[in-house]
Amino acid sequence: MMGGVFPRSRGFTLIELLCVISIIAILAGMILSSLGSINEKGDALKCTQNLRSIGAAVQLYVGAHDNEFPEVQTDPNNPTYPPPSEAKGMLETFAPFGLVQDSVKCPADVRNKKFNYFVKYGTSYEWAPYVDDELQTAPQIFTRRGQLTMPLSRIIVCFDVERVHGIHGDFPSKKNYLYADGHIRDYTSSAPRAKPKN
């Protein structure tokens, strides 16, 4: 000890402290934005898995019913097929073929307070009645050009009710579509909405 004076320990200046806080805030922002993107990609993956489960249940139903697609009520609250039709909602129709409630619940739809069709209708997906009561071997589709036989790879059977994927991210919002042959695609623009056959 020289002269009874203790050496002073040097502390942080206000500017150094503000720099450290701003660096931490920038890093936290980067991490949080990437977590949102990871969540959205996870939602899209789960949605795709759900549609694959629905597609598998559809194929099992068709196999058990002489290669004929079922009649499915598109909106249980507003029936497409009035009585005496025995058409039911998607979950009721395909539950005997392994479809469970979680498979009709899109996490992006459930997480979004604006939509949440699962709470409103019991499903996050809409059934497209293009193939209702049609044979899988040669489905007849009714279009503006008349009645056509189309390949299963071009017939949509089910899709997200709304474009819920990517709403909060840096890419355009999307909908996932299940086709009659079991493959799934996503679109940034809506495919034409299905109209029931009369």
C-alpha atoms as a PDB file:
ATOM      1  CA  MET A   1       0.000   0.000   0.000  1.00  0.00           C
ATOM      2  CA  MET A   2       1.543   3.258  -1.046  1.00  0.00           C
ATOM      3  CA  GLY A   3       0.591   6.316   0.949  1.00  0.00           C
ATOM      4  CA  GLY A   4      -2.455   4.518   2.422  1.00  0.00           C
ATOM      5  CA  VAL A   5      -4.415   4.982  -0.807  1.00  0.00           C
ATOM      6  CA  PHE A   6      -6.276   1.990  -2.274  1.00  0.00           C
ATOM      7  CA  PRO A   7      -6.157   1.683  -6.050  1.00  0.00           C
ATOM      8  CA  ARG A   8      -9.526   2.485  -7.612  1.00  0.00           C
ATOM      9  CA  SER A   9     -11.244  -0.256  -9.565  1.00  0.00           C
ATOM     10  CA  ARG A  10     -12.482   0.992 -12.919  1.00  0.00           C
ATOM     11  CA  GLY A  11     -16.280   0.574 -13.489  1.00  0.00           C
ATOM     12  CA  PHE A  12     -18.429   0.632 -16.638  1.00  0.00           C
ATOM     13  CA  THR A  13     -19.212   4.004 -18.132  1.00  0.00           C
ATOM     14  CA  LEU A  14     -22.786   4.796 -19.106  1.00  0.00           C
ATOM     15  CA  ILE A  15     -21.946   4.528 -22.819  1.00  0.00           C
ATOM     16  CA  GLU A  16     -20.388   1.063 -22.404  1.00  0.00           C
ATOM     17  CA  LEU A  17     -23.412  -0.105 -20.445  1.00  0.00           C
ATOM     18  CA  LEU A  18     -25.817   1.192 -23.134  1.00  0.00           C
ATOM     19  CA  CYS A  19     -23.765  -0.530 -25.864  1.00  0.00           C
ATOM     20  CA  VAL A  20     -23.936  -3.885 -24.040  1.00  0.00           C
ATOM     21  CA  ILE A  21     -27.704  -3.527 -23.506  1.00  0.00           C
ATOM     22  CA  SER A  22     -28.293  -2.657 -27.182  1.00  0.00           C
ATOM     23  CA  ILE A  23     -26.201  -5.657 -28.347  1.00  0.00           C
ATOM     24  CA  ILE A  24     -28.228  -7.965 -26.079  1.00  0.00           C
ATOM     25  CA  ALA A  25     -31.495  -6.454 -27.409  1.00  0.00           C
ATOM     26  CA  ILE A  26     -30.394  -6.986 -31.038  1.00  0.00           C
ATOM     27  CA  LEU A  27     -29.428 -10.624 -30.348  1.00  0.00           C
ATOM     28  CA  ALA A  28     -32.718 -11.252 -28.519  1.00  0.00           C
ATOM     29  CA  GLY A  29     -34.655  -9.786 -31.472  1.00  0.00           C
ATOM     30  CA  MET A  30     -32.821 -12.022 -33.919  1.00  0.00           C
ATOM     31  CA  ILE A  31     -33.512 -15.107 -31.804  1.00  0.00           C
ATOM     32  CA  LEU A  32     -37.204 -14.261 -31.358  1.00  0.00           C
ATOM     33  CA  SER A  33     -37.746 -13.624 -35.076  1.00  0.00           C
ATOM     34  CA  SER A  34     -36.135 -16.943 -35.975  1.00  0.00           C
ATOM     35  CA  LEU A  35     -38.274 -18.720 -33.348  1.00  0.00           C
ATOM     36  CA  GLY A  36     -41.422 -17.318 -35.008  1.00  0.00           C
ATOM     37  CA  SER A  37     -40.248 -18.631 -38.368  1.00  0.00           C
ATOM     38  CA  ILE A  38     -39.448 -22.030 -36.828  1.00  0.00           C
ATOM     39  CA  ASN A  39     -42.948 -22.165 -35.282  1.00  0.00           C
ATOM     40  CA  GLU A  40     -44.573 -21.364 -38.624  1.00  0.00           C
ATOM     41  CA  LYS A  41     -42.542 -24.034 -40.413  1.00  0.00           C
ATOM     42  CA  GLY A  42     -43.498 -26.504 -37.683  1.00  0.00           C
ATOM     43  CA  ASP A  43     -47.172 -25.589 -38.109  1.00  0.00           C
ATOM     44  CA  ALA A  44     -46.938 -26.104 -41.874  1.00  0.00           C
ATOM     45  CA  LEU A  45     -45.294 -29.517 -41.349  1.00  0.00           C
ATOM     46  CA  LYS A  46     -47.956 -30.611 -38.850  1.00  0.00           C
ATOM     47  CA  CYS A  47     -50.679 -29.419 -41.238  1.00  0.00           C
ATOM     48  CA  THR A  48     -49.130 -31.463 -44.046  1.00  0.00           C
ATOM     49  CA  GLN A  49     -49.053 -34.524 -41.769  1.00  0.00           C
ATOM     50  CA  ASN A  50     -52.732 -33.933 -40.909  1.00  0.00           C
ATOM     51  CA  LEU A  51     -53.666 -33.841 -44.591  1.00  0.00           C
ATOM     52  CA  ARG A  52     -51.685 -37.044 -45.191  1.00  0.00           C
ATOM     53  CA  SER A  53     -53.704 -38.694 -42.395  1.00  0.00           C
ATOM     54  CA  ILE A  54     -56.940 -37.469 -43.978  1.00  0.00           C
ATOM     55  CA  GLY A  55     -55.740 -38.755 -47.366  1.00  0.00           C
ATOM     56  CA  ALA A  56     -54.960 -42.184 -45.887  1.00  0.00           C
ATOM     57  CA  ALA A  57     -58.410 -42.340 -44.237  1.00  0.00           C
ATOM     58  CA  VAL A  58     -60.035 -41.379 -47.569  1.00  0.00           C
ATOM     59  CA  GLN A  59     -58.201 -44.217 -49.351  1.00  0.00           C
ATOM     60  CA  LEU A  60     -59.270 -46.701 -46.659  1.00  0.00           C
ATOM     61  CA  TYR A  61     -62.881 -45.521 -46.938  1.00  0.00           C
ATOM     62  CA  VAL A  62     -62.834 -45.842 -50.723  1.00  0.00           C
ATOM     63  CA  GLY A  63     -61.353 -49.339 -50.484  1.00  0.00           C
ATOM     64  CA  ALA A  64     -64.123 -50.413 -48.090  1.00  0.00           C
ATOM     65  CA  HIS A  65     -66.941 -48.884 -50.197  1.00  0.00           C
ATOM     66  CA  ASP A  66     -66.541 -50.366 -53.689  1.00  0.00           C
ATOM     67  CA  ASN A  67     -64.062 -47.670 -54.842  1.00  0.00           C
ATOM     68  CA  GLU A  68     -66.605 -44.912 -54.243  1.00  0.00           C
ATOM     69  CA  PHE A  69     -65.828 -41.602 -52.520  1.00  0.00           C
ATOM     70  CA  PRO A  70     -68.197 -40.578 -49.700  1.00  0.00           C
ATOM     71  CA  GLU A  71     -70.570 -37.660 -49.446  1.00  0.00           C
ATOM     72  CA  VAL A  72     -69.097 -35.332 -46.806  1.00  0.00           C
ATOM     73  CA  GLN A  73     -70.773 -32.286 -45.307  1.00  0.00           C
ATOM     74  CA  THR A  74     -68.470 -29.358 -46.118  1.00  0.00           C
ATOM     75  CA  ASP A  75     -69.791 -27.201 -43.275  1.00  0.00           C
ATOM     76  CA  PRO A  76     -71.591 -29.035 -40.436  1.00  0.00           C
ATOM     77  CA  ASN A  77     -73.362 -25.779 -39.447  1.00  0.00           C
ATOM     78  CA  ASN A  78     -74.711 -25.270 -42.973  1.00  0.00           C
ATOM     79  CA  PRO A  79     -75.297 -28.708 -44.535  1.00  0.00           C
ATOM     80  CA  THR A  80     -74.445 -29.112 -48.210  1.00  0.00           C
ATOM     81  CA  TYR A  81     -76.575 -32.260 -48.468  1.00  0.00           C
ATOM     82  CA  PRO A  82     -80.013 -31.945 -46.848  1.00  0.00           C
ATOM     83  CA  PRO A  83     -81.902 -34.994 -45.553  1.00  0.00           C
ATOM     84  CA  PRO A  84     -82.524 -37.737 -46.538  1.00  0.00           C
ATOM     85  CA  SER A  85     -78.767 -37.778 -47.228  1.00  0.00           C
ATOM     86  CA  GLU A  86     -76.753 -39.455 -44.483  1.00  0.00           C
ATOM     87  CA  ALA A  87     -73.697 -37.297 -45.189  1.00  0.00           C
ATOM     88  CA  LYS A  88     -71.682 -36.377 -42.091  1.00  0.00           C
ATOM     89  CA  GLY A  89     -68.750 -34.117 -41.318  1.00  0.00           C
ATOM     90  CA  MET A  90     -65.212 -35.125 -42.246  1.00  0.00           C
ATOM     91  CA  LEU A  91     -64.213 -36.426 -38.803  1.00  0.00           C
ATOM     92  CA  GLU A  92     -67.399 -38.489 -38.387  1.00  0.00           C
ATOM     93  CA  THR A  93     -67.085 -39.931 -41.890  1.00  0.00           C
ATOM     94  CA  PHE A  94     -63.448 -41.002 -41.587  1.00  0.00           C
ATOM     95  CA  ALA A  95     -63.163 -41.801 -37.843  1.00  0.00           C
ATOM     96  CA  PRO A  96     -63.856 -45.525 -38.474  1.00  0.00           C
ATOM     97  CA  PHE A  97     -60.822 -45.460 -40.790  1.00  0.00           C
ATOM     98  CA  GLY A  98     -58.349 -44.089 -38.261  1.00  0.00           C
ATOM     99  CA  LEU A  99     -58.904 -40.330 -38.471  1.00  0.00           C
ATOM    100  CA  VAL A 100     -58.639 -38.652 -35.053  1.00  0.00           C
ATOM    101  CA  GLN A 101     -59.592 -35.164 -33.874  1.00  0.00           C
ATOM    102  CA  ASP A 102     -55.965 -33.952 -33.807  1.00  0.00           C
ATOM    103  CA  SER A 103     -55.727 -34.751 -37.524  1.00  0.00           C
ATOM    104  CA  VAL A 104     -58.376 -32.151 -38.379  1.00  0.00           C
ATOM    105  CA  LYS A 105     -56.761 -29.447 -36.226  1.00  0.00           C
ATOM    106  CA  CYS A 106     -54.253 -27.231 -38.063  1.00  0.00           C
ATOM    107  CA  PRO A 107     -51.974 -25.569 -35.464  1.00  0.00           C
ATOM    108  CA  ALA A 108     -51.665 -22.399 -37.564  1.00  0.00           C
ATOM    109  CA  ASP A 109     -55.466 -22.092 -37.631  1.00  0.00           C
ATOM    110  CA  VAL A 110     -55.843 -22.768 -33.896  1.00  0.00           C
ATOM    111  CA  ARG A 111     -53.088 -20.285 -32.990  1.00  0.00           C
ATOM    112  CA  ASN A 112     -54.667 -17.537 -35.097  1.00  0.00           C
ATOM    113  CA  LYS A 113     -57.375 -15.693 -33.147  1.00  0.00           C
ATOM    114  CA  LYS A 114     -58.810 -14.152 -36.326  1.00  0.00           C
ATOM    115  CA  PHE A 115     -59.707 -17.544 -37.841  1.00  0.00           C
ATOM    116  CA  ASN A 116     -59.656 -20.589 -35.526  1.00  0.00           C
ATOM    117  CA  TYR A 117     -62.106 -22.563 -37.648  1.00  0.00           C
ATOM    118  CA  PHE A 118     -61.422 -25.608 -35.495  1.00  0.00           C
ATOM    119  CA  VAL A 119     -63.312 -23.973 -32.617  1.00  0.00           C
ATOM    120  CA  LYS A 120     -66.113 -22.727 -34.914  1.00  0.00           C
ATOM    121  CA  TYR A 121     -66.645 -25.858 -37.031  1.00  0.00           C
ATOM    122  CA  GLY A 122     -64.748 -28.704 -35.360  1.00  0.00           C
ATOM    123  CA  THR A 123     -62.209 -28.821 -38.198  1.00  0.00           C
ATOM    124  CA  SER A 124     -59.521 -26.551 -39.657  1.00  0.00           C
ATOM    125  CA  TYR A 125     -60.026 -28.085 -43.105  1.00  0.00           C
ATOM    126  CA  GLU A 126     -62.747 -27.822 -45.710  1.00  0.00           C
ATOM    127  CA  TRP A 127     -63.866 -30.797 -47.750  1.00  0.00           C
ATOM    128  CA  ALA A 128     -64.177 -30.130 -51.486  1.00  0.00           C
ATOM    129  CA  PRO A 129     -67.192 -32.047 -52.788  1.00  0.00           C
ATOM    130  CA  TYR A 130     -65.782 -32.562 -56.307  1.00  0.00           C
ATOM    131  CA  VAL A 131     -65.555 -36.333 -55.849  1.00  0.00           C
ATOM    132  CA  ASP A 132     -68.560 -36.967 -53.613  1.00  0.00           C
ATOM    133  CA  ASP A 133     -70.254 -40.216 -54.700  1.00  0.00           C
ATOM    134  CA  GLU A 134     -67.796 -40.631 -57.604  1.00  0.00           C
ATOM    135  CA  LEU A 135     -65.846 -43.778 -58.441  1.00  0.00           C
ATOM    136  CA  GLN A 136     -62.128 -43.536 -57.741  1.00  0.00           C
ATOM    137  CA  THR A 137     -61.376 -45.267 -61.021  1.00  0.00           C
ATOM    138  CA  ALA A 138     -63.106 -42.590 -63.184  1.00  0.00           C
ATOM    139  CA  PRO A 139     -64.381 -39.599 -61.201  1.00  0.00           C
ATOM    140  CA  GLN A 140     -66.626 -37.225 -63.148  1.00  0.00           C
ATOM    141  CA  ILE A 141     -66.025 -33.566 -62.331  1.00  0.00           C
ATOM    142  CA  PHE A 142     -68.582 -30.897 -63.147  1.00  0.00           C
ATOM    143  CA  THR A 143     -66.962 -27.716 -64.476  1.00  0.00           C
ATOM    144  CA  ARG A 144     -67.967 -24.702 -66.565  1.00  0.00           C
ATOM    145  CA  ARG A 145     -66.986 -26.739 -69.622  1.00  0.00           C
ATOM    146  CA  GLY A 146     -69.273 -29.586 -68.675  1.00  0.00           C
ATOM    147  CA  GLN A 147     -68.704 -32.998 -67.159  1.00  0.00           C
ATOM    148  CA  LEU A 148     -65.087 -34.203 -67.357  1.00  0.00           C
ATOM    149  CA  THR A 149     -63.130 -37.249 -66.281  1.00  0.00           C
ATOM    150  CA  MET A 150     -59.958 -35.996 -64.620  1.00  0.00           C
ATOM    151  CA  PRO A 151     -56.924 -37.730 -63.154  1.00  0.00           C
ATOM    152  CA  LEU A 152     -56.930 -37.993 -59.358  1.00  0.00           C
ATOM    153  CA  SER A 153     -53.722 -35.924 -59.249  1.00  0.00           C
ATOM    154  CA  ARG A 154     -55.711 -32.862 -60.391  1.00  0.00           C
ATOM    155  CA  ILE A 155     -58.743 -33.172 -58.102  1.00  0.00           C
ATOM    156  CA  ILE A 156     -58.680 -31.308 -54.770  1.00  0.00           C
ATOM    157  CA  VAL A 157     -60.525 -33.106 -51.962  1.00  0.00           C
ATOM    158  CA  CYS A 158     -59.558 -31.117 -48.865  1.00  0.00           C
ATOM    159  CA  PHE A 159     -57.744 -27.887 -47.942  1.00  0.00           C
ATOM    160  CA  ASP A 160     -57.050 -25.319 -45.209  1.00  0.00           C
ATOM    161  CA  VAL A 161     -60.169 -23.187 -44.765  1.00  0.00           C
ATOM    162  CA  GLU A 162     -58.044 -20.019 -44.788  1.00  0.00           C
ATOM    163  CA  ARG A 163     -54.532 -19.031 -45.863  1.00  0.00           C
ATOM    164  CA  VAL A 164     -53.138 -19.362 -42.331  1.00  0.00           C
ATOM    165  CA  HIS A 165     -49.564 -20.438 -43.073  1.00  0.00           C
ATOM    166  CA  GLY A 166     -46.944 -17.709 -43.114  1.00  0.00           C
ATOM    167  CA  ILE A 167     -49.202 -14.911 -41.913  1.00  0.00           C
ATOM    168  CA  HIS A 168     -46.637 -13.651 -39.396  1.00  0.00           C
ATOM    169  CA  GLY A 169     -43.493 -14.482 -41.359  1.00  0.00           C
ATOM    170  CA  ASP A 170     -41.554 -12.941 -44.196  1.00  0.00           C
ATOM    171  CA  PHE A 171     -43.200 -15.077 -46.894  1.00  0.00           C
ATOM    172  CA  PRO A 172     -46.740 -14.852 -48.349  1.00  0.00           C
ATOM    173  CA  SER A 173     -49.567 -16.642 -46.597  1.00  0.00           C
ATOM    174  CA  LYS A 174     -50.396 -20.090 -47.950  1.00  0.00           C
ATOM    175  CA  LYS A 175     -53.021 -22.826 -47.925  1.00  0.00           C
ATOM    176  CA  ASN A 176     -52.300 -26.536 -48.086  1.00  0.00           C
ATOM    177  CA  TYR A 177     -54.344 -28.689 -50.483  1.00  0.00           C
ATOM    178  CA  LEU A 178     -54.879 -32.463 -50.460  1.00  0.00           C
ATOM    179  CA  TYR A 179     -55.518 -34.100 -53.835  1.00  0.00           C
ATOM    180  CA  ALA A 180     -57.506 -37.258 -54.510  1.00  0.00           C
ATOM    181  CA  ASP A 181     -54.332 -39.264 -55.246  1.00  0.00           C
ATOM    182  CA  GLY A 182     -52.944 -38.355 -51.785  1.00  0.00           C
ATOM    183  CA  HIS A 183     -50.344 -35.736 -52.704  1.00  0.00           C
ATOM    184  CA  ILE A 184     -50.280 -32.324 -51.015  1.00  0.00           C
ATOM    185  CA  ARG A 185     -49.409 -28.895 -52.388  1.00  0.00           C
ATOM    186  CA  ASP A 186     -49.414 -25.420 -50.947  1.00  0.00           C
ATOM    187  CA  TYR A 187     -50.459 -22.311 -52.800  1.00  0.00           C
ATOM    188  CA  THR A 188     -49.920 -18.659 -52.070  1.00  0.00           C
ATOM    189  CA  SER A 189     -53.124 -17.836 -53.934  1.00  0.00           C
ATOM    190  CA  SER A 190     -56.441 -19.541 -53.299  1.00  0.00           C
ATOM    191  CA  ALA A 191     -57.506 -22.395 -55.501  1.00  0.00           C
ATOM    192  CA  PRO A 192     -61.121 -22.137 -56.678  1.00  0.00           C
ATOM    193  CA  ARG A 193     -63.616 -22.889 -53.936  1.00  0.00           C
ATOM    194  CA  ALA A 194     -65.550 -26.075 -54.426  1.00  0.00           C
ATOM    195  CA  LYS A 195     -69.205 -26.024 -55.349  1.00  0.00           C
ATOM    196  CA  PRO A 196     -71.382 -29.010 -54.412  1.00  0.00           C
ATOM    197  CA  LYS A 197     -73.008 -31.126 -57.064  1.00  0.00           C
ATOM    198  CA  ASN A 198     -76.796 -30.915 -57.208  1.00  0.00           C
END
